[in-house]
Amino acid sequence: MPNSPHSQFPMKDVENKIQHMMSVLSDRLDLLSDDNLEFIRATLEPLYQDVRVFQAIEEAENNFNPGDTLTRDEAIEYLLYM
C-alpha cells in the first residue's frame, strides 16, 4: 500500500498509544471520579472509532481490485437511472 494516502498516517502508533493509555488508566480507575471517567471516555471513543475507520479503509484498499467498485460519479449515474 505504498501509494495509499493513508499509509503515511501511522495508525498503528495511534492504536498502540490508545492501548497504552487504557492499560495505564485501568490500574487507576478506582482513583478517578465519575466526571473524569466520562471525560476520558468521551475523549478516547472518537479516537478509537477513527482507528477502526482507518483500519477498514486500509483493509478495503488491500482487498479491492480496480473495477471492483464504482467511482462516486459512476454510483450517482447508476442511481439516477435505476
PDB file of N, CA and C in Angstrom:
ATOM      1  N   MET A   1       0.820  -1.188   0.000  1.00  0.00           N
ATOM      2  CA  MET A   1       0.000   0.000   0.000  1.00  0.00           C
ATOM      3  C   MET A   1       0.869   1.257   0.000  1.00  0.00           C
ATOM      4  N   PRO A   2       1.968   1.269  -0.728  1.00  0.00           N
ATOM      5  CA  PRO A   2       2.847   2.422  -0.697  1.00  0.00           C
ATOM      6  C   PRO A   2       2.230   3.678  -1.284  1.00  0.00           C
ATOM      7  N   ASN A   3       1.282   3.561  -2.211  1.00  0.00           N
ATOM      8  CA  ASN A   3       0.686   4.742  -2.829  1.00  0.00           C
ATOM      9  C   ASN A   3      -0.550   5.231  -2.095  1.00  0.00           C
ATOM     10  N   SER A   4      -0.930   4.547  -1.049  1.00  0.00           N
ATOM     11  CA  SER A   4      -2.123   4.916  -0.311  1.00  0.00           C
ATOM     12  C   SER A   4      -1.902   6.218   0.455  1.00  0.00           C
ATOM     13  N   PRO A   5      -2.890   7.140   0.400  1.00  0.00           N
ATOM     14  CA  PRO A   5      -2.743   8.373   1.188  1.00  0.00           C
ATOM     15  C   PRO A   5      -2.791   8.094   2.684  1.00  0.00           C
ATOM     16  N   HIS A   6      -3.354   6.958   3.062  1.00  0.00           N
ATOM     17  CA  HIS A   6      -3.469   6.630   4.479  1.00  0.00           C
ATOM     18  C   HIS A   6      -2.218   5.965   5.018  1.00  0.00           C
ATOM     19  N   SER A   7      -1.367   5.458   4.123  1.00  0.00           N
ATOM     20  CA  SER A   7      -0.184   4.742   4.592  1.00  0.00           C
ATOM     21  C   SER A   7       0.821   5.684   5.254  1.00  0.00           C
ATOM     22  N   GLN A   8       0.698   6.987   5.004  1.00  0.00           N
ATOM     23  CA  GLN A   8       1.610   7.949   5.603  1.00  0.00           C
ATOM     24  C   GLN A   8       1.213   8.264   7.045  1.00  0.00           C
ATOM     25  N   PHE A   9      -0.013   7.960   7.407  1.00  0.00           N
ATOM     26  CA  PHE A   9      -0.503   8.235   8.753  1.00  0.00           C
ATOM     27  C   PHE A   9      -0.234   7.008   9.611  1.00  0.00           C
ATOM     28  N   PRO A  10       0.527   7.148  10.684  1.00  0.00           N
ATOM     29  CA  PRO A  10       0.936   5.983  11.487  1.00  0.00           C
ATOM     30  C   PRO A  10      -0.187   5.483  12.395  1.00  0.00           C
ATOM     31  N   MET A  11      -1.206   4.845  11.812  1.00  0.00           N
ATOM     32  CA  MET A  11      -2.346   4.379  12.588  1.00  0.00           C
ATOM     33  C   MET A  11      -1.942   3.372  13.655  1.00  0.00           C
ATOM     34  N   LYS A  12      -0.955   2.550  13.360  1.00  0.00           N
ATOM     35  CA  LYS A  12      -0.517   1.564  14.346  1.00  0.00           C
ATOM     36  C   LYS A  12       0.030   2.277  15.585  1.00  0.00           C
ATOM     37  N   ASP A  13       0.731   3.389  15.379  1.00  0.00           N
ATOM     38  CA  ASP A  13       1.245   4.167  16.508  1.00  0.00           C
ATOM     39  C   ASP A  13       0.102   4.716  17.357  1.00  0.00           C
ATOM     40  N   VAL A  14      -0.927   5.237  16.701  1.00  0.00           N
ATOM     41  CA  VAL A  14      -2.081   5.776  17.424  1.00  0.00           C
ATOM     42  C   VAL A  14      -2.767   4.657  18.198  1.00  0.00           C
ATOM     43  N   GLU A  15      -2.947   3.523  17.542  1.00  0.00           N
ATOM     44  CA  GLU A  15      -3.587   2.386  18.196  1.00  0.00           C
ATOM     45  C   GLU A  15      -2.778   1.928  19.409  1.00  0.00           C
ATOM     46  N   ASN A  16      -1.469   1.865  19.267  1.00  0.00           N
ATOM     47  CA  ASN A  16      -0.606   1.464  20.387  1.00  0.00           C
ATOM     48  C   ASN A  16      -0.678   2.460  21.539  1.00  0.00           C
ATOM     49  N   LYS A  17      -0.728   3.745  21.222  1.00  0.00           N
ATOM     50  CA  LYS A  17      -0.820   4.764  22.269  1.00  0.00           C
ATOM     51  C   LYS A  17      -2.145   4.673  23.015  1.00  0.00           C
ATOM     52  N   ILE A  18      -3.229   4.423  22.280  1.00  0.00           N
ATOM     53  CA  ILE A  18      -4.536   4.272  22.926  1.00  0.00           C
ATOM     54  C   ILE A  18      -4.522   3.059  23.847  1.00  0.00           C
ATOM     55  N   GLN A  19      -3.968   1.955  23.368  1.00  0.00           N
ATOM     56  CA  GLN A  19      -3.894   0.751  24.204  1.00  0.00           C
ATOM     57  C   GLN A  19      -3.046   1.000  25.448  1.00  0.00           C
ATOM     58  N   HIS A  20      -1.952   1.726  25.288  1.00  0.00           N
ATOM     59  CA  HIS A  20      -1.099   2.045  26.437  1.00  0.00           C
ATOM     60  C   HIS A  20      -1.857   2.909  27.444  1.00  0.00           C
ATOM     61  N   MET A  21      -2.552   3.937  26.951  1.00  0.00           N
ATOM     62  CA  MET A  21      -3.326   4.800  27.848  1.00  0.00           C
ATOM     63  C   MET A  21      -4.388   3.997  28.586  1.00  0.00           C
ATOM     64  N   MET A  22      -5.040   3.080  27.881  1.00  0.00           N
ATOM     65  CA  MET A  22      -6.070   2.271  28.516  1.00  0.00           C
ATOM     66  C   MET A  22      -5.481   1.363  29.592  1.00  0.00           C
ATOM     67  N   SER A  23      -4.306   0.809  29.337  1.00  0.00           N
ATOM     68  CA  SER A  23      -3.698  -0.060  30.349  1.00  0.00           C
ATOM     69  C   SER A  23      -3.263   0.743  31.575  1.00  0.00           C
ATOM     70  N   VAL A  24      -2.749   1.955  31.357  1.00  0.00           N
ATOM     71  CA  VAL A  24      -2.367   2.815  32.481  1.00  0.00           C
ATOM     72  C   VAL A  24      -3.616   3.220  33.266  1.00  0.00           C
ATOM     73  N   LEU A  25      -4.668   3.595  32.550  1.00  0.00           N
ATOM     74  CA  LEU A  25      -5.902   4.019  33.220  1.00  0.00           C
ATOM     75  C   LEU A  25      -6.566   2.873  33.969  1.00  0.00           C
ATOM     76  N   SER A  26      -6.498   1.674  33.422  1.00  0.00           N
ATOM     77  CA  SER A  26      -7.185   0.551  34.067  1.00  0.00           C
ATOM     78  C   SER A  26      -6.639   0.278  35.464  1.00  0.00           C
ATOM     79  N   ASP A  27      -5.378   0.601  35.683  1.00  0.00           N
ATOM     80  CA  ASP A  27      -4.786   0.421  37.010  1.00  0.00           C
ATOM     81  C   ASP A  27      -5.224   1.504  37.994  1.00  0.00           C
ATOM     82  N   ARG A  28      -5.793   2.571  37.477  1.00  0.00           N
ATOM     83  CA  ARG A  28      -6.133   3.718  38.328  1.00  0.00           C
ATOM     84  C   ARG A  28      -7.620   4.085  38.287  1.00  0.00           C
ATOM     85  N   LEU A  29      -8.446   3.222  37.756  1.00  0.00           N
ATOM     86  CA  LEU A  29      -9.864   3.539  37.610  1.00  0.00           C
ATOM     87  C   LEU A  29     -10.537   3.873  38.935  1.00  0.00           C
ATOM     88  N   ASP A  30     -10.168   3.175  39.977  1.00  0.00           N
ATOM     89  CA  ASP A  30     -10.795   3.414  41.280  1.00  0.00           C
ATOM     90  C   ASP A  30     -10.465   4.794  41.840  1.00  0.00           C
ATOM     91  N   LEU A  31      -9.394   5.394  41.362  1.00  0.00           N
ATOM     92  CA  LEU A  31      -8.974   6.701  41.869  1.00  0.00           C
ATOM     93  C   LEU A  31      -9.653   7.862  41.144  1.00  0.00           C
ATOM     94  N   LEU A  32     -10.321   7.575  40.027  1.00  0.00           N
ATOM     95  CA  LEU A  32     -10.904   8.636  39.207  1.00  0.00           C
ATOM     96  C   LEU A  32     -12.366   8.873  39.563  1.00  0.00           C
ATOM     97  N   SER A  33     -12.760  10.131  39.489  1.00  0.00           N
ATOM     98  CA  SER A  33     -14.163  10.468  39.730  1.00  0.00           C
ATOM     99  C   SER A  33     -14.989  10.089  38.500  1.00  0.00           C
ATOM    100  N   ASP A  34     -16.295  10.041  38.677  1.00  0.00           N
ATOM    101  CA  ASP A  34     -17.181   9.726  37.557  1.00  0.00           C
ATOM    102  C   ASP A  34     -17.047  10.762  36.444  1.00  0.00           C
ATOM    103  N   ASP A  35     -16.880  12.025  36.820  1.00  0.00           N
ATOM    104  CA  ASP A  35     -16.707  13.075  35.811  1.00  0.00           C
ATOM    105  C   ASP A  35     -15.434  12.859  35.003  1.00  0.00           C
ATOM    106  N   ASN A  36     -14.365  12.485  35.688  1.00  0.00           N
ATOM    107  CA  ASN A  36     -13.109  12.216  34.983  1.00  0.00           C
ATOM    108  C   ASN A  36     -13.237  11.008  34.065  1.00  0.00           C
ATOM    109  N   LEU A  37     -13.916   9.975  34.535  1.00  0.00           N
ATOM    110  CA  LEU A  37     -14.118   8.789  33.702  1.00  0.00           C
ATOM    111  C   LEU A  37     -14.925   9.121  32.454  1.00  0.00           C
ATOM    112  N   GLU A  38     -15.955   9.931  32.623  1.00  0.00           N
ATOM    113  CA  GLU A  38     -16.771  10.325  31.473  1.00  0.00           C
ATOM    114  C   GLU A  38     -15.955  11.161  30.491  1.00  0.00           C
ATOM    115  N   PHE A  39     -15.127  12.054  31.004  1.00  0.00           N
ATOM    116  CA  PHE A  39     -14.268  12.862  30.143  1.00  0.00           C
ATOM    117  C   PHE A  39     -13.303  11.973  29.358  1.00  0.00           C
ATOM    118  N   ILE A  40     -12.713  11.003  30.034  1.00  0.00           N
ATOM    119  CA  ILE A  40     -11.771  10.089  29.373  1.00  0.00           C
ATOM    120  C   ILE A  40     -12.490   9.287  28.293  1.00  0.00           C
ATOM    121  N   ARG A  41     -13.675   8.775  28.621  1.00  0.00           N
ATOM    122  CA  ARG A  41     -14.438   8.009  27.637  1.00  0.00           C
ATOM    123  C   ARG A  41     -14.789   8.872  26.430  1.00  0.00           C
ATOM    124  N   ALA A  42     -15.252  10.085  26.696  1.00  0.00           N
ATOM    125  CA  ALA A  42     -15.642  10.985  25.615  1.00  0.00           C
ATOM    126  C   ALA A  42     -14.446  11.373  24.747  1.00  0.00           C
ATOM    127  N   THR A  43     -13.266  11.383  25.319  1.00  0.00           N
ATOM    128  CA  THR A  43     -12.055  11.718  24.571  1.00  0.00           C
ATOM    129  C   THR A  43     -11.554  10.534  23.764  1.00  0.00           C
ATOM    130  N   LEU A  44     -11.555   9.359  24.364  1.00  0.00           N
ATOM    131  CA  LEU A  44     -10.981   8.183  23.705  1.00  0.00           C
ATOM    132  C   LEU A  44     -11.907   7.542  22.675  1.00  0.00           C
ATOM    133  N   GLU A  45     -13.203   7.633  22.879  1.00  0.00           N
ATOM    134  CA  GLU A  45     -14.128   6.958  21.971  1.00  0.00           C
ATOM    135  C   GLU A  45     -13.992   7.418  20.518  1.00  0.00           C
ATOM    136  N   PRO A  46     -13.973   8.722  20.236  1.00  0.00           N
ATOM    137  CA  PRO A  46     -13.794   9.137  18.838  1.00  0.00           C
ATOM    138  C   PRO A  46     -12.444   8.697  18.259  1.00  0.00           C
ATOM    139  N   LEU A  47     -11.405   8.707  19.079  1.00  0.00           N
ATOM    140  CA  LEU A  47     -10.099   8.251  18.602  1.00  0.00           C
ATOM    141  C   LEU A  47     -10.151   6.777  18.236  1.00  0.00           C
ATOM    142  N   TYR A  48     -10.780   5.990  19.084  1.00  0.00           N
ATOM    143  CA  TYR A  48     -10.921   4.564  18.820  1.00  0.00           C
ATOM    144  C   TYR A  48     -11.717   4.339  17.532  1.00  0.00           C
ATOM    145  N   GLN A  49     -12.794   5.095  17.355  1.00  0.00           N
ATOM    146  CA  GLN A  49     -13.605   4.961  16.147  1.00  0.00           C
ATOM    147  C   GLN A  49     -12.809   5.364  14.907  1.00  0.00           C
ATOM    148  N   ASP A  50     -11.993   6.404  15.016  1.00  0.00           N
ATOM    149  CA  ASP A  50     -11.140   6.804  13.894  1.00  0.00           C
ATOM    150  C   ASP A  50     -10.176   5.692  13.514  1.00  0.00           C
ATOM    151  N   VAL A  51      -9.595   5.047  14.511  1.00  0.00           N
ATOM    152  CA  VAL A  51      -8.679   3.935  14.243  1.00  0.00           C
ATOM    153  C   VAL A  51      -9.421   2.834  13.498  1.00  0.00           C
ATOM    154  N   ARG A  52     -10.634   2.511  13.946  1.00  0.00           N
ATOM    155  CA  ARG A  52     -11.416   1.460  13.286  1.00  0.00           C
ATOM    156  C   ARG A  52     -11.742   1.831  11.840  1.00  0.00           C
ATOM    157  N   VAL A  53     -12.091   3.086  11.587  1.00  0.00           N
ATOM    158  CA  VAL A  53     -12.397   3.526  10.225  1.00  0.00           C
ATOM    159  C   VAL A  53     -11.160   3.417   9.344  1.00  0.00           C
ATOM    160  N   PHE A  54     -10.020   3.883   9.834  1.00  0.00           N
ATOM    161  CA  PHE A  54      -8.794   3.794   9.043  1.00  0.00           C
ATOM    162  C   PHE A  54      -8.392   2.343   8.798  1.00  0.00           C
ATOM    163  N   GLN A  55      -8.623   1.466   9.766  1.00  0.00           N
ATOM    164  CA  GLN A  55      -8.344   0.047   9.554  1.00  0.00           C
ATOM    165  C   GLN A  55      -9.235  -0.514   8.449  1.00  0.00           C
ATOM    166  N   ALA A  56     -10.503  -0.134   8.444  1.00  0.00           N
ATOM    167  CA  ALA A  56     -11.425  -0.601   7.408  1.00  0.00           C
ATOM    168  C   ALA A  56     -11.022  -0.070   6.038  1.00  0.00           C
ATOM    169  N   ILE A  57     -10.586   1.190   5.979  1.00  0.00           N
ATOM    170  CA  ILE A  57     -10.131   1.768   4.710  1.00  0.00           C
ATOM    171  C   ILE A  57      -8.913   1.019   4.203  1.00  0.00           C
ATOM    172  N   GLU A  58      -7.959   0.762   5.089  1.00  0.00           N
ATOM    173  CA  GLU A  58      -6.755   0.038   4.686  1.00  0.00           C
ATOM    174  C   GLU A  58      -7.095  -1.369   4.217  1.00  0.00           C
ATOM    175  N   GLU A  59      -8.011  -2.029   4.913  1.00  0.00           N
ATOM    176  CA  GLU A  59      -8.412  -3.378   4.513  1.00  0.00           C
ATOM    177  C   GLU A  59      -9.078  -3.351   3.139  1.00  0.00           C
ATOM    178  N   ALA A  60      -9.939  -2.367   2.917  1.00  0.00           N
ATOM    179  CA  ALA A  60     -10.602  -2.253   1.618  1.00  0.00           C
ATOM    180  C   ALA A  60      -9.590  -1.984   0.513  1.00  0.00           C
ATOM    181  N   GLU A  61      -8.627  -1.118   0.785  1.00  0.00           N
ATOM    182  CA  GLU A  61      -7.604  -0.823  -0.220  1.00  0.00           C
ATOM    183  C   GLU A  61      -6.792  -2.066  -0.560  1.00  0.00           C
ATOM    184  N   ASN A  62      -6.593  -2.936   0.419  1.00  0.00           N
ATOM    185  CA  ASN A  62      -5.821  -4.155   0.189  1.00  0.00           C
ATOM    186  C   ASN A  62      -6.638  -5.243  -0.500  1.00  0.00           C
ATOM    187  N   ASN A  63      -7.965  -5.209  -0.358  1.00  0.00           N
ATOM    188  CA  ASN A  63      -8.798  -6.297  -0.866  1.00  0.00           C
ATOM    189  C   ASN A  63      -9.509  -5.999  -2.173  1.00  0.00           C
ATOM    190  N   PHE A  64      -9.705  -4.741  -2.516  1.00  0.00           N
ATOM    191  CA  PHE A  64     -10.409  -4.409  -3.743  1.00  0.00           C
ATOM    192  C   PHE A  64      -9.427  -4.220  -4.883  1.00  0.00           C
ATOM    193  N   ASN A  65      -9.842  -4.694  -6.043  1.00  0.00           N
ATOM    194  CA  ASN A  65      -9.056  -4.513  -7.259  1.00  0.00           C
ATOM    195  C   ASN A  65      -9.706  -3.434  -8.107  1.00  0.00           C
ATOM    196  N   PRO A  66      -8.951  -2.827  -9.022  1.00  0.00           N
ATOM    197  CA  PRO A  66      -9.565  -1.847  -9.918  1.00  0.00           C
ATOM    198  C   PRO A  66     -10.759  -2.477 -10.641  1.00  0.00           C
ATOM    199  N   GLY A  67     -11.863  -1.761 -10.655  1.00  0.00           N
ATOM    200  CA  GLY A  67     -13.068  -2.257 -11.301  1.00  0.00           C
ATOM    201  C   GLY A  67     -14.022  -2.955 -10.347  1.00  0.00           C
ATOM    202  N   ASP A  68     -13.598  -3.252  -9.130  1.00  0.00           N
ATOM    203  CA  ASP A  68     -14.474  -3.905  -8.154  1.00  0.00           C
ATOM    204  C   ASP A  68     -15.504  -2.937  -7.582  1.00  0.00           C
ATOM    205  N   THR A  69     -15.193  -1.660  -7.590  1.00  0.00           N
ATOM    206  CA  THR A  69     -16.091  -0.670  -7.002  1.00  0.00           C
ATOM    207  C   THR A  69     -16.380   0.426  -8.020  1.00  0.00           C
ATOM    208  N   LEU A  70     -17.398   1.215  -7.737  1.00  0.00           N
ATOM    209  CA  LEU A  70     -17.750   2.340  -8.593  1.00  0.00           C
ATOM    210  C   LEU A  70     -17.111   3.615  -8.061  1.00  0.00           C
ATOM    211  N   THR A  71     -16.814   4.519  -8.975  1.00  0.00           N
ATOM    212  CA  THR A  71     -16.406   5.848  -8.541  1.00  0.00           C
ATOM    213  C   THR A  71     -17.655   6.577  -8.051  1.00  0.00           C
ATOM    214  N   ARG A  72     -17.473   7.706  -7.426  1.00  0.00           N
ATOM    215  CA  ARG A  72     -18.615   8.495  -6.951  1.00  0.00           C
ATOM    216  C   ARG A  72     -19.530   8.849  -8.111  1.00  0.00           C
ATOM    217  N   ASP A  73     -18.947   9.329  -9.210  1.00  0.00           N
ATOM    218  CA  ASP A  73     -19.739   9.722 -10.379  1.00  0.00           C
ATOM    219  C   ASP A  73     -20.478   8.531 -10.985  1.00  0.00           C
ATOM    220  N   GLU A  74     -19.821   7.375 -11.049  1.00  0.00           N
ATOM    221  CA  GLU A  74     -20.476   6.180 -11.584  1.00  0.00           C
ATOM    222  C   GLU A  74     -21.647   5.766 -10.704  1.00  0.00           C
ATOM    223  N   ALA A  75     -21.472   5.858  -9.397  1.00  0.00           N
ATOM    224  CA  ALA A  75     -22.540   5.483  -8.471  1.00  0.00           C
ATOM    225  C   ALA A  75     -23.733   6.420  -8.610  1.00  0.00           C
ATOM    226  N   ILE A  76     -23.484   7.714  -8.729  1.00  0.00           N
ATOM    227  CA  ILE A  76     -24.575   8.684  -8.900  1.00  0.00           C
ATOM    228  C   ILE A  76     -25.308   8.420 -10.206  1.00  0.00           C
ATOM    229  N   GLU A  77     -24.562   8.197 -11.273  1.00  0.00           N
ATOM    230  CA  GLU A  77     -25.181   7.916 -12.574  1.00  0.00           C
ATOM    231  C   GLU A  77     -26.028   6.648 -12.497  1.00  0.00           C
ATOM    232  N   TYR A  78     -25.512   5.631 -11.851  1.00  0.00           N
ATOM    233  CA  TYR A  78     -26.249   4.378 -11.700  1.00  0.00           C
ATOM    234  C   TYR A  78     -27.546   4.605 -10.926  1.00  0.00           C
ATOM    235  N   LEU A  79     -27.480   5.378  -9.843  1.00  0.00           N
ATOM    236  CA  LEU A  79     -28.667   5.642  -9.031  1.00  0.00           C
ATOM    237  C   LEU A  79     -29.706   6.461  -9.789  1.00  0.00           C
ATOM    238  N   LEU A  80     -29.269   7.359 -10.643  1.00  0.00           N
ATOM    239  CA  LEU A  80     -30.201   8.191 -11.403  1.00  0.00           C
ATOM    240  C   LEU A  80     -30.993   7.374 -12.416  1.00  0.00           C
ATOM    241  N   TYR A  81     -30.417   6.303 -12.907  1.00  0.00           N
ATOM    242  CA  TYR A  81     -31.067   5.510 -13.953  1.00  0.00           C
ATOM    243  C   TYR A  81     -31.675   4.220 -13.432  1.00  0.00           C
ATOM    244  N   MET A  82     -31.792   4.088 -12.127  1.00  0.00           N
ATOM    245  CA  MET A  82     -32.420   2.877 -11.555  1.00  0.00           C
ATOM    246  C   MET A  82     -33.915   2.938 -11.695  1.00  0.00           C
TER     247      MET A  82
END
